[in-house]
Amino acid sequence: MVPEPACIALVGLPGSGKTTVGRQLARRLGLEYFDSDHVIEQRLGCSIRTYFEHEGEDRFRDVESAVLDELTQKTGAVISTGGGSVLREANRQHLHQRCQVVYLNAYPDDLFRRLRHDVNRPLLQVADPLTRLRDLHAVRDPLYRATAHFVVETGRPSVATLVNMIVMQLELSGAVPSR
C-alpha cells in the first residue's frame, strides 16, 4: 500500500491562482482541499478584509499562523495559502518542513490585469495597486522561493496545464505516486 502523501501547499502573490489551481490539483490527486483564507474567515466569523480593517495586520497574521500550523499537519491535503503567509518565519518553516510547497510565480503586471477590479483584497485597496503589487513581489518573491520545493511560472498556461506541470513535478520528486 502506498503511503498517503504529505500536504501540498501552494504559495504566491494574491491573484496568482492558488485557489483555482489548488482546487483542481486536489481533485486530480483525490486529496482533501483547504483554502487557508476560507478557514480563517470561518474561524473569525467575518471577512478577512473586515477583520484586517478593525484589528490590523498583526492580529490577522496571528490567526493566520495558528491556522497554517494546524493545516500543515494534515496529510493527503492540498492547501492554498494567503499571499502573505510567508511573512512569518514560523509559517515558512511549517510549510517547508511539513508540506511539498509549490510557488505559483506570477508577475505584477499580469496580476494587475487579473485583479484591477477586485475589491476584496485588503492590501490592494490603495491608490496605485500596480506599484503595490510590484513592491509585494520584490519583498515576497525571495520568501516564496526559500519556502518552496518547486517554482511554477504561471504566465499564460491554462489551469489544467498548470495542474499537469505541478503533478509532474510532484511525481518526479516522489512526493505523490505516479499514476
N, C-alpha and C. Protein backbone atom coordinates (compact mmCIF):
# COMPACT_ATOMS: atom_id res chain seq x y z
N MET A 1 0.84 -1.19 0.00
CA MET A 1 0.00 0.00 0.00
C MET A 1 0.89 1.25 0.00
N VAL A 2 0.57 2.19 -0.88
CA VAL A 2 1.33 3.42 -1.00
C VAL A 2 0.91 4.38 0.12
N PRO A 3 1.88 4.97 0.86
CA PRO A 3 1.50 5.89 1.92
C PRO A 3 0.85 7.15 1.35
N GLU A 4 -0.02 7.75 2.15
CA GLU A 4 -0.68 8.99 1.74
C GLU A 4 0.37 10.10 1.66
N PRO A 5 0.31 10.93 0.62
CA PRO A 5 1.32 11.99 0.51
C PRO A 5 1.16 13.02 1.61
N ALA A 6 2.28 13.68 1.92
CA ALA A 6 2.23 14.80 2.85
C ALA A 6 1.35 15.87 2.24
N CYS A 7 1.13 16.93 2.96
CA CYS A 7 0.33 18.00 2.39
C CYS A 7 1.11 18.68 1.26
N ILE A 8 0.36 19.23 0.36
CA ILE A 8 0.90 20.01 -0.75
C ILE A 8 0.36 21.42 -0.55
N ALA A 9 1.26 22.39 -0.47
CA ALA A 9 0.83 23.77 -0.22
C ALA A 9 1.22 24.64 -1.40
N LEU A 10 0.32 25.54 -1.75
CA LEU A 10 0.57 26.50 -2.82
C LEU A 10 0.79 27.87 -2.20
N VAL A 11 1.87 28.53 -2.60
CA VAL A 11 2.17 29.88 -2.14
C VAL A 11 2.32 30.79 -3.35
N GLY A 12 2.12 32.07 -3.14
CA GLY A 12 2.28 33.04 -4.22
C GLY A 12 1.52 34.31 -3.90
N LEU A 13 1.73 35.30 -4.73
CA LEU A 13 1.06 36.59 -4.55
C LEU A 13 -0.45 36.47 -4.69
N PRO A 14 -1.19 37.44 -4.15
CA PRO A 14 -2.64 37.46 -4.35
C PRO A 14 -2.95 37.45 -5.85
N GLY A 15 -3.86 36.57 -6.25
CA GLY A 15 -4.26 36.51 -7.65
C GLY A 15 -3.41 35.59 -8.51
N SER A 16 -2.44 34.90 -7.92
CA SER A 16 -1.55 34.04 -8.71
C SER A 16 -2.21 32.72 -9.11
N GLY A 17 -3.38 32.44 -8.55
CA GLY A 17 -4.11 31.23 -8.93
C GLY A 17 -4.10 30.14 -7.89
N LYS A 18 -3.70 30.45 -6.69
CA LYS A 18 -3.57 29.42 -5.66
C LYS A 18 -4.88 28.69 -5.39
N THR A 19 -5.98 29.43 -5.30
CA THR A 19 -7.27 28.80 -5.01
C THR A 19 -7.76 27.97 -6.20
N THR A 20 -7.75 28.55 -7.37
CA THR A 20 -8.24 27.85 -8.56
C THR A 20 -7.40 26.62 -8.86
N VAL A 21 -6.09 26.78 -8.86
CA VAL A 21 -5.19 25.66 -9.13
C VAL A 21 -5.27 24.64 -8.00
N GLY A 22 -5.34 25.11 -6.76
CA GLY A 22 -5.41 24.20 -5.61
C GLY A 22 -6.62 23.28 -5.66
N ARG A 23 -7.77 23.85 -5.98
CA ARG A 23 -8.99 23.03 -6.08
C ARG A 23 -8.83 21.94 -7.14
N GLN A 24 -8.32 22.33 -8.30
CA GLN A 24 -8.16 21.38 -9.40
C GLN A 24 -7.09 20.33 -9.08
N LEU A 25 -6.01 20.75 -8.44
CA LEU A 25 -4.94 19.83 -8.06
C LEU A 25 -5.47 18.79 -7.07
N ALA A 26 -6.22 19.24 -6.08
CA ALA A 26 -6.79 18.32 -5.09
C ALA A 26 -7.72 17.32 -5.77
N ARG A 27 -8.56 17.81 -6.66
CA ARG A 27 -9.49 16.93 -7.39
C ARG A 27 -8.70 15.91 -8.20
N ARG A 28 -7.69 16.37 -8.90
CA ARG A 28 -6.89 15.49 -9.75
C ARG A 28 -6.19 14.39 -8.95
N LEU A 29 -5.68 14.76 -7.77
CA LEU A 29 -4.95 13.80 -6.94
C LEU A 29 -5.84 13.04 -5.96
N GLY A 30 -7.13 13.41 -5.90
CA GLY A 30 -8.05 12.76 -4.97
C GLY A 30 -7.74 13.09 -3.52
N LEU A 31 -7.30 14.33 -3.28
CA LEU A 31 -6.94 14.76 -1.93
C LEU A 31 -7.95 15.78 -1.41
N GLU A 32 -7.97 15.94 -0.10
CA GLU A 32 -8.82 16.94 0.53
C GLU A 32 -8.25 18.33 0.22
N TYR A 33 -9.12 19.34 0.10
CA TYR A 33 -8.68 20.69 -0.25
C TYR A 33 -9.03 21.67 0.85
N PHE A 34 -8.07 22.54 1.18
CA PHE A 34 -8.29 23.61 2.15
C PHE A 34 -7.75 24.92 1.59
N ASP A 35 -8.53 25.97 1.71
CA ASP A 35 -8.06 27.32 1.41
C ASP A 35 -7.88 27.99 2.76
N SER A 36 -6.64 28.33 3.11
CA SER A 36 -6.40 28.86 4.45
C SER A 36 -7.19 30.13 4.71
N ASP A 37 -7.38 30.97 3.69
CA ASP A 37 -8.17 32.19 3.89
C ASP A 37 -9.62 31.87 4.23
N HIS A 38 -10.19 30.85 3.58
CA HIS A 38 -11.58 30.46 3.90
C HIS A 38 -11.69 29.89 5.31
N VAL A 39 -10.69 29.10 5.71
CA VAL A 39 -10.69 28.55 7.07
C VAL A 39 -10.60 29.69 8.08
N ILE A 40 -9.75 30.68 7.79
CA ILE A 40 -9.62 31.84 8.68
C ILE A 40 -10.95 32.59 8.79
N GLU A 41 -11.61 32.82 7.67
CA GLU A 41 -12.89 33.54 7.70
C GLU A 41 -13.95 32.77 8.48
N GLN A 42 -13.95 31.45 8.35
CA GLN A 42 -14.90 30.64 9.14
C GLN A 42 -14.63 30.81 10.63
N ARG A 43 -13.35 30.81 11.02
CA ARG A 43 -12.99 30.97 12.43
C ARG A 43 -13.36 32.36 12.94
N LEU A 44 -13.11 33.37 12.12
CA LEU A 44 -13.34 34.75 12.54
C LEU A 44 -14.82 35.12 12.53
N GLY A 45 -15.58 34.47 11.67
CA GLY A 45 -17.00 34.82 11.52
C GLY A 45 -17.20 36.11 10.74
N CYS A 46 -16.16 36.54 10.01
CA CYS A 46 -16.27 37.73 9.16
C CYS A 46 -15.22 37.63 8.07
N SER A 47 -15.27 38.54 7.13
CA SER A 47 -14.29 38.52 6.05
C SER A 47 -12.92 38.95 6.56
N ILE A 48 -11.89 38.51 5.86
CA ILE A 48 -10.54 38.93 6.21
C ILE A 48 -10.43 40.44 6.08
N ARG A 49 -11.03 40.99 5.05
CA ARG A 49 -10.98 42.45 4.86
C ARG A 49 -11.53 43.18 6.08
N THR A 50 -12.69 42.74 6.58
CA THR A 50 -13.30 43.39 7.74
C THR A 50 -12.40 43.24 8.97
N TYR A 51 -11.89 42.04 9.20
CA TYR A 51 -11.02 41.80 10.35
C TYR A 51 -9.76 42.66 10.25
N PHE A 52 -9.19 42.69 9.06
CA PHE A 52 -7.99 43.48 8.79
C PHE A 52 -8.23 44.95 9.15
N GLU A 53 -9.39 45.48 8.71
CA GLU A 53 -9.72 46.89 8.95
C GLU A 53 -9.90 47.19 10.44
N HIS A 54 -10.52 46.26 11.18
CA HIS A 54 -10.81 46.51 12.59
C HIS A 54 -9.69 46.13 13.54
N GLU A 55 -8.97 45.06 13.24
CA GLU A 55 -7.96 44.54 14.17
C GLU A 55 -6.52 44.79 13.72
N GLY A 56 -6.32 45.06 12.44
CA GLY A 56 -4.98 45.31 11.93
C GLY A 56 -4.29 44.06 11.42
N GLU A 57 -3.21 44.30 10.68
CA GLU A 57 -2.50 43.18 10.04
C GLU A 57 -1.85 42.24 11.04
N ASP A 58 -1.25 42.76 12.12
CA ASP A 58 -0.58 41.88 13.08
C ASP A 58 -1.53 40.86 13.70
N ARG A 59 -2.71 41.32 14.11
CA ARG A 59 -3.69 40.39 14.70
C ARG A 59 -4.13 39.36 13.66
N PHE A 60 -4.32 39.82 12.42
CA PHE A 60 -4.70 38.89 11.35
C PHE A 60 -3.60 37.84 11.17
N ARG A 61 -2.34 38.27 11.15
CA ARG A 61 -1.23 37.34 10.94
C ARG A 61 -1.12 36.32 12.08
N ASP A 62 -1.53 36.70 13.29
CA ASP A 62 -1.56 35.75 14.41
C ASP A 62 -2.55 34.62 14.13
N VAL A 63 -3.74 35.00 13.68
CA VAL A 63 -4.77 34.00 13.36
C VAL A 63 -4.29 33.14 12.19
N GLU A 64 -3.72 33.78 11.18
CA GLU A 64 -3.23 33.05 10.02
C GLU A 64 -2.18 32.02 10.43
N SER A 65 -1.26 32.40 11.31
CA SER A 65 -0.22 31.47 11.76
C SER A 65 -0.80 30.25 12.46
N ALA A 66 -1.80 30.48 13.31
CA ALA A 66 -2.43 29.36 14.03
C ALA A 66 -3.11 28.41 13.05
N VAL A 67 -3.81 28.96 12.06
CA VAL A 67 -4.50 28.13 11.06
C VAL A 67 -3.48 27.36 10.22
N LEU A 68 -2.40 28.01 9.80
CA LEU A 68 -1.39 27.32 8.99
C LEU A 68 -0.69 26.22 9.78
N ASP A 69 -0.44 26.46 11.06
CA ASP A 69 0.17 25.43 11.90
C ASP A 69 -0.71 24.18 11.91
N GLU A 70 -2.01 24.39 12.03
CA GLU A 70 -2.96 23.28 12.05
C GLU A 70 -3.05 22.59 10.68
N LEU A 71 -3.21 23.38 9.62
CA LEU A 71 -3.40 22.80 8.28
C LEU A 71 -2.17 22.04 7.80
N THR A 72 -0.98 22.55 8.10
CA THR A 72 0.24 21.90 7.61
C THR A 72 0.53 20.58 8.31
N GLN A 73 -0.23 20.26 9.34
CA GLN A 73 -0.07 18.96 10.00
C GLN A 73 -0.92 17.88 9.35
N LYS A 74 -1.73 18.24 8.38
CA LYS A 74 -2.58 17.27 7.70
C LYS A 74 -1.77 16.52 6.65
N THR A 75 -2.16 15.28 6.41
CA THR A 75 -1.58 14.54 5.29
C THR A 75 -2.68 14.32 4.27
N GLY A 76 -2.27 14.14 3.04
CA GLY A 76 -3.26 13.90 1.99
C GLY A 76 -4.14 15.11 1.73
N ALA A 77 -3.56 16.30 1.78
CA ALA A 77 -4.34 17.52 1.58
C ALA A 77 -3.59 18.49 0.69
N VAL A 78 -4.36 19.30 -0.03
CA VAL A 78 -3.81 20.42 -0.77
C VAL A 78 -4.28 21.68 -0.06
N ILE A 79 -3.33 22.60 0.19
CA ILE A 79 -3.63 23.83 0.93
C ILE A 79 -3.25 25.02 0.06
N SER A 80 -4.20 25.90 -0.17
CA SER A 80 -3.91 27.19 -0.80
C SER A 80 -3.72 28.18 0.33
N THR A 81 -2.59 28.86 0.34
CA THR A 81 -2.29 29.79 1.42
C THR A 81 -2.60 31.23 1.01
N GLY A 82 -2.70 32.10 1.98
CA GLY A 82 -2.84 33.52 1.70
C GLY A 82 -1.53 34.08 1.18
N GLY A 83 -1.60 35.16 0.41
CA GLY A 83 -0.40 35.72 -0.21
C GLY A 83 0.68 36.12 0.77
N GLY A 84 0.30 36.51 2.00
CA GLY A 84 1.28 36.93 2.99
C GLY A 84 1.69 35.86 3.96
N SER A 85 1.30 34.63 3.71
CA SER A 85 1.58 33.55 4.66
C SER A 85 3.06 33.35 4.91
N VAL A 86 3.91 33.73 3.97
CA VAL A 86 5.36 33.51 4.12
C VAL A 86 6.06 34.62 4.89
N LEU A 87 5.33 35.63 5.32
CA LEU A 87 5.96 36.76 6.00
C LEU A 87 6.54 36.38 7.36
N ARG A 88 5.97 35.39 8.00
CA ARG A 88 6.47 34.95 9.31
C ARG A 88 7.33 33.71 9.16
N GLU A 89 8.47 33.75 9.83
CA GLU A 89 9.43 32.65 9.78
C GLU A 89 8.80 31.32 10.18
N ALA A 90 7.99 31.31 11.23
CA ALA A 90 7.37 30.06 11.69
C ALA A 90 6.49 29.46 10.59
N ASN A 91 5.77 30.30 9.87
CA ASN A 91 4.93 29.80 8.77
C ASN A 91 5.80 29.18 7.68
N ARG A 92 6.88 29.87 7.33
CA ARG A 92 7.77 29.34 6.28
C ARG A 92 8.33 27.99 6.70
N GLN A 93 8.73 27.87 7.96
CA GLN A 93 9.27 26.60 8.45
C GLN A 93 8.23 25.50 8.42
N HIS A 94 7.02 25.79 8.93
CA HIS A 94 5.96 24.77 8.93
C HIS A 94 5.64 24.33 7.51
N LEU A 95 5.50 25.27 6.62
CA LEU A 95 5.18 24.93 5.24
C LEU A 95 6.28 24.07 4.63
N HIS A 96 7.52 24.52 4.72
CA HIS A 96 8.63 23.82 4.06
C HIS A 96 8.90 22.44 4.67
N GLN A 97 8.81 22.34 5.99
CA GLN A 97 9.13 21.08 6.66
C GLN A 97 8.01 20.05 6.58
N ARG A 98 6.77 20.51 6.53
CA ARG A 98 5.63 19.58 6.61
C ARG A 98 4.96 19.30 5.27
N CYS A 99 5.20 20.15 4.28
CA CYS A 99 4.48 20.05 3.01
C CYS A 99 5.45 20.07 1.84
N GLN A 100 4.94 19.66 0.70
CA GLN A 100 5.61 19.92 -0.57
C GLN A 100 5.05 21.27 -1.02
N VAL A 101 5.90 22.27 -1.12
CA VAL A 101 5.44 23.63 -1.39
C VAL A 101 5.71 24.00 -2.85
N VAL A 102 4.65 24.48 -3.50
CA VAL A 102 4.74 24.93 -4.88
C VAL A 102 4.49 26.43 -4.90
N TYR A 103 5.46 27.17 -5.44
CA TYR A 103 5.33 28.61 -5.59
C TYR A 103 4.78 28.90 -6.97
N LEU A 104 3.57 29.46 -7.03
CA LEU A 104 2.98 29.89 -8.29
C LEU A 104 3.46 31.32 -8.53
N ASN A 105 4.49 31.45 -9.33
CA ASN A 105 5.09 32.76 -9.56
C ASN A 105 4.35 33.48 -10.68
N ALA A 106 3.77 34.60 -10.33
CA ALA A 106 3.08 35.45 -11.30
C ALA A 106 3.68 36.83 -11.20
N TYR A 107 3.83 37.48 -12.33
CA TYR A 107 4.45 38.79 -12.35
C TYR A 107 3.42 39.89 -12.10
N PRO A 108 3.84 40.97 -11.44
CA PRO A 108 2.91 42.03 -11.03
C PRO A 108 2.03 42.59 -12.15
N ASP A 109 2.57 42.77 -13.35
CA ASP A 109 1.75 43.32 -14.44
C ASP A 109 0.61 42.36 -14.80
N ASP A 110 0.91 41.04 -14.83
CA ASP A 110 -0.13 40.04 -15.11
C ASP A 110 -1.17 40.04 -14.00
N LEU A 111 -0.70 40.11 -12.76
CA LEU A 111 -1.62 40.12 -11.61
C LEU A 111 -2.52 41.36 -11.64
N PHE A 112 -1.95 42.48 -11.99
CA PHE A 112 -2.74 43.71 -12.04
C PHE A 112 -3.89 43.57 -13.04
N ARG A 113 -3.60 42.98 -14.19
CA ARG A 113 -4.67 42.78 -15.19
C ARG A 113 -5.78 41.89 -14.63
N ARG A 114 -5.40 40.87 -13.85
CA ARG A 114 -6.39 39.95 -13.27
C ARG A 114 -7.17 40.58 -12.13
N LEU A 115 -6.52 41.45 -11.34
CA LEU A 115 -7.08 41.90 -10.07
C LEU A 115 -7.57 43.34 -10.04
N ARG A 116 -7.44 44.07 -11.13
CA ARG A 116 -7.70 45.51 -11.07
C ARG A 116 -9.10 45.88 -10.62
N HIS A 117 -10.07 44.96 -10.74
CA HIS A 117 -11.44 45.27 -10.31
C HIS A 117 -11.83 44.54 -9.02
N ASP A 118 -10.89 43.84 -8.40
CA ASP A 118 -11.17 43.05 -7.20
C ASP A 118 -11.09 43.95 -5.96
N VAL A 119 -12.20 44.09 -5.25
CA VAL A 119 -12.22 44.96 -4.07
C VAL A 119 -12.09 44.18 -2.76
N ASN A 120 -11.90 42.86 -2.85
CA ASN A 120 -11.85 42.03 -1.65
C ASN A 120 -10.45 41.72 -1.15
N ARG A 121 -9.45 42.33 -1.72
CA ARG A 121 -8.07 42.08 -1.29
C ARG A 121 -7.55 43.31 -0.56
N PRO A 122 -7.48 43.26 0.77
CA PRO A 122 -7.18 44.46 1.56
C PRO A 122 -5.87 45.15 1.18
N LEU A 123 -4.85 44.40 0.88
CA LEU A 123 -3.56 45.02 0.59
C LEU A 123 -3.52 45.75 -0.75
N LEU A 124 -4.55 45.52 -1.58
CA LEU A 124 -4.56 46.17 -2.90
C LEU A 124 -5.53 47.35 -2.96
N GLN A 125 -6.13 47.69 -1.83
CA GLN A 125 -7.05 48.83 -1.79
C GLN A 125 -6.25 50.12 -1.55
N VAL A 126 -5.43 50.45 -2.53
CA VAL A 126 -4.55 51.62 -2.46
C VAL A 126 -4.68 52.41 -3.76
N ALA A 127 -4.14 53.61 -3.78
CA ALA A 127 -4.25 54.48 -4.95
C ALA A 127 -3.58 53.87 -6.19
N ASP A 128 -2.46 53.17 -6.00
CA ASP A 128 -1.72 52.60 -7.13
C ASP A 128 -1.46 51.11 -6.89
N PRO A 129 -2.45 50.26 -7.20
CA PRO A 129 -2.30 48.83 -6.91
C PRO A 129 -1.16 48.15 -7.69
N LEU A 130 -0.85 48.64 -8.90
CA LEU A 130 0.25 48.03 -9.66
C LEU A 130 1.58 48.23 -8.93
N THR A 131 1.83 49.44 -8.45
CA THR A 131 3.06 49.68 -7.69
C THR A 131 3.05 48.82 -6.43
N ARG A 132 1.90 48.70 -5.79
CA ARG A 132 1.80 47.85 -4.59
C ARG A 132 2.15 46.40 -4.92
N LEU A 133 1.62 45.89 -6.05
CA LEU A 133 1.94 44.52 -6.45
C LEU A 133 3.44 44.36 -6.73
N ARG A 134 4.03 45.35 -7.36
CA ARG A 134 5.48 45.30 -7.63
C ARG A 134 6.26 45.28 -6.33
N ASP A 135 5.84 46.10 -5.37
CA ASP A 135 6.50 46.14 -4.07
C ASP A 135 6.34 44.81 -3.33
N LEU A 136 5.12 44.25 -3.36
CA LEU A 136 4.88 42.96 -2.71
C LEU A 136 5.74 41.88 -3.34
N HIS A 137 5.83 41.88 -4.66
CA HIS A 137 6.64 40.87 -5.36
C HIS A 137 8.11 41.00 -4.95
N ALA A 138 8.61 42.22 -4.90
CA ALA A 138 10.02 42.44 -4.54
C ALA A 138 10.33 41.90 -3.14
N VAL A 139 9.41 42.12 -2.20
CA VAL A 139 9.62 41.67 -0.82
C VAL A 139 9.38 40.17 -0.67
N ARG A 140 8.31 39.67 -1.29
CA ARG A 140 7.88 38.30 -1.02
C ARG A 140 8.51 37.24 -1.92
N ASP A 141 8.92 37.60 -3.14
CA ASP A 141 9.47 36.60 -4.05
C ASP A 141 10.62 35.80 -3.41
N PRO A 142 11.58 36.44 -2.75
CA PRO A 142 12.64 35.65 -2.11
C PRO A 142 12.11 34.73 -1.00
N LEU A 143 11.07 35.16 -0.31
CA LEU A 143 10.49 34.34 0.76
C LEU A 143 9.74 33.14 0.17
N TYR A 144 8.99 33.37 -0.91
CA TYR A 144 8.31 32.26 -1.58
C TYR A 144 9.34 31.24 -2.08
N ARG A 145 10.40 31.74 -2.69
CA ARG A 145 11.42 30.84 -3.25
C ARG A 145 12.12 30.04 -2.14
N ALA A 146 12.38 30.68 -1.01
CA ALA A 146 13.03 29.99 0.11
C ALA A 146 12.12 28.92 0.72
N THR A 147 10.83 29.14 0.65
CA THR A 147 9.85 28.22 1.24
C THR A 147 9.53 27.06 0.31
N ALA A 148 9.57 27.31 -0.98
CA ALA A 148 9.09 26.35 -1.98
C ALA A 148 10.08 25.23 -2.28
N HIS A 149 9.52 24.08 -2.62
CA HIS A 149 10.29 22.97 -3.17
C HIS A 149 10.29 23.06 -4.69
N PHE A 150 9.24 23.66 -5.25
CA PHE A 150 9.07 23.80 -6.70
C PHE A 150 8.57 25.19 -7.02
N VAL A 151 9.02 25.73 -8.16
CA VAL A 151 8.53 27.02 -8.64
C VAL A 151 7.89 26.77 -10.00
N VAL A 152 6.65 27.24 -10.16
CA VAL A 152 5.95 27.13 -11.43
C VAL A 152 5.60 28.54 -11.89
N GLU A 153 6.04 28.87 -13.09
CA GLU A 153 5.74 30.18 -13.66
C GLU A 153 4.31 30.13 -14.20
N THR A 154 3.44 31.00 -13.70
CA THR A 154 2.04 30.91 -14.11
C THR A 154 1.80 31.50 -15.49
N GLY A 155 2.43 32.60 -15.83
CA GLY A 155 2.32 33.17 -17.17
C GLY A 155 0.95 33.02 -17.80
N ARG A 156 0.89 32.38 -18.94
CA ARG A 156 -0.35 32.23 -19.70
C ARG A 156 -0.94 30.82 -19.71
N PRO A 157 -0.29 29.80 -19.14
CA PRO A 157 -0.88 28.45 -19.24
C PRO A 157 -2.26 28.38 -18.61
N SER A 158 -3.06 27.48 -19.14
CA SER A 158 -4.39 27.23 -18.57
C SER A 158 -4.24 26.59 -17.20
N VAL A 159 -5.32 26.58 -16.44
CA VAL A 159 -5.31 25.94 -15.12
C VAL A 159 -4.96 24.47 -15.27
N ALA A 160 -5.54 23.80 -16.27
CA ALA A 160 -5.25 22.38 -16.48
C ALA A 160 -3.76 22.15 -16.76
N THR A 161 -3.15 23.04 -17.54
CA THR A 161 -1.72 22.91 -17.83
C THR A 161 -0.89 23.12 -16.56
N LEU A 162 -1.25 24.12 -15.76
CA LEU A 162 -0.54 24.35 -14.50
C LEU A 162 -0.64 23.13 -13.58
N VAL A 163 -1.84 22.56 -13.48
CA VAL A 163 -2.04 21.37 -12.65
C VAL A 163 -1.16 20.23 -13.17
N ASN A 164 -1.14 20.03 -14.49
CA ASN A 164 -0.29 18.97 -15.07
C ASN A 164 1.18 19.20 -14.74
N MET A 165 1.62 20.45 -14.83
CA MET A 165 3.02 20.77 -14.52
C MET A 165 3.34 20.45 -13.07
N ILE A 166 2.43 20.79 -12.17
CA ILE A 166 2.65 20.54 -10.74
C ILE A 166 2.65 19.04 -10.46
N VAL A 167 1.68 18.33 -11.01
CA VAL A 167 1.61 16.87 -10.79
C VAL A 167 2.89 16.20 -11.29
N MET A 168 3.37 16.63 -12.45
CA MET A 168 4.60 16.05 -13.00
C MET A 168 5.77 16.28 -12.03
N GLN A 169 5.91 17.50 -11.50
CA GLN A 169 6.99 17.79 -10.56
C GLN A 169 6.86 16.93 -9.29
N LEU A 170 5.64 16.82 -8.79
CA LEU A 170 5.42 16.04 -7.57
C LEU A 170 5.71 14.56 -7.81
N GLU A 171 5.31 14.05 -8.97
CA GLU A 171 5.58 12.63 -9.28
C GLU A 171 7.08 12.39 -9.45
N LEU A 172 7.75 13.27 -10.15
CA LEU A 172 9.20 13.10 -10.36
C LEU A 172 9.97 13.14 -9.05
N SER A 173 9.47 13.92 -8.10
CA SER A 173 10.16 14.02 -6.80
C SER A 173 9.78 12.89 -5.86
N GLY A 174 8.76 12.12 -6.23
CA GLY A 174 8.30 11.04 -5.35
C GLY A 174 7.33 11.51 -4.28
N ALA A 175 6.92 12.78 -4.33
CA ALA A 175 6.01 13.31 -3.32
C ALA A 175 4.61 12.73 -3.45
N VAL A 176 4.23 12.35 -4.67
CA VAL A 176 2.96 11.66 -4.90
C VAL A 176 3.26 10.49 -5.81
N PRO A 177 2.49 9.40 -5.69
CA PRO A 177 2.74 8.25 -6.55
C PRO A 177 2.40 8.58 -8.01
N SER A 178 3.17 8.02 -8.94
CA SER A 178 2.86 8.18 -10.36
C SER A 178 1.57 7.45 -10.67
N ARG A 179 0.80 8.06 -11.54
CA ARG A 179 -0.49 7.46 -11.88
C ARG A 179 -0.42 6.79 -13.22
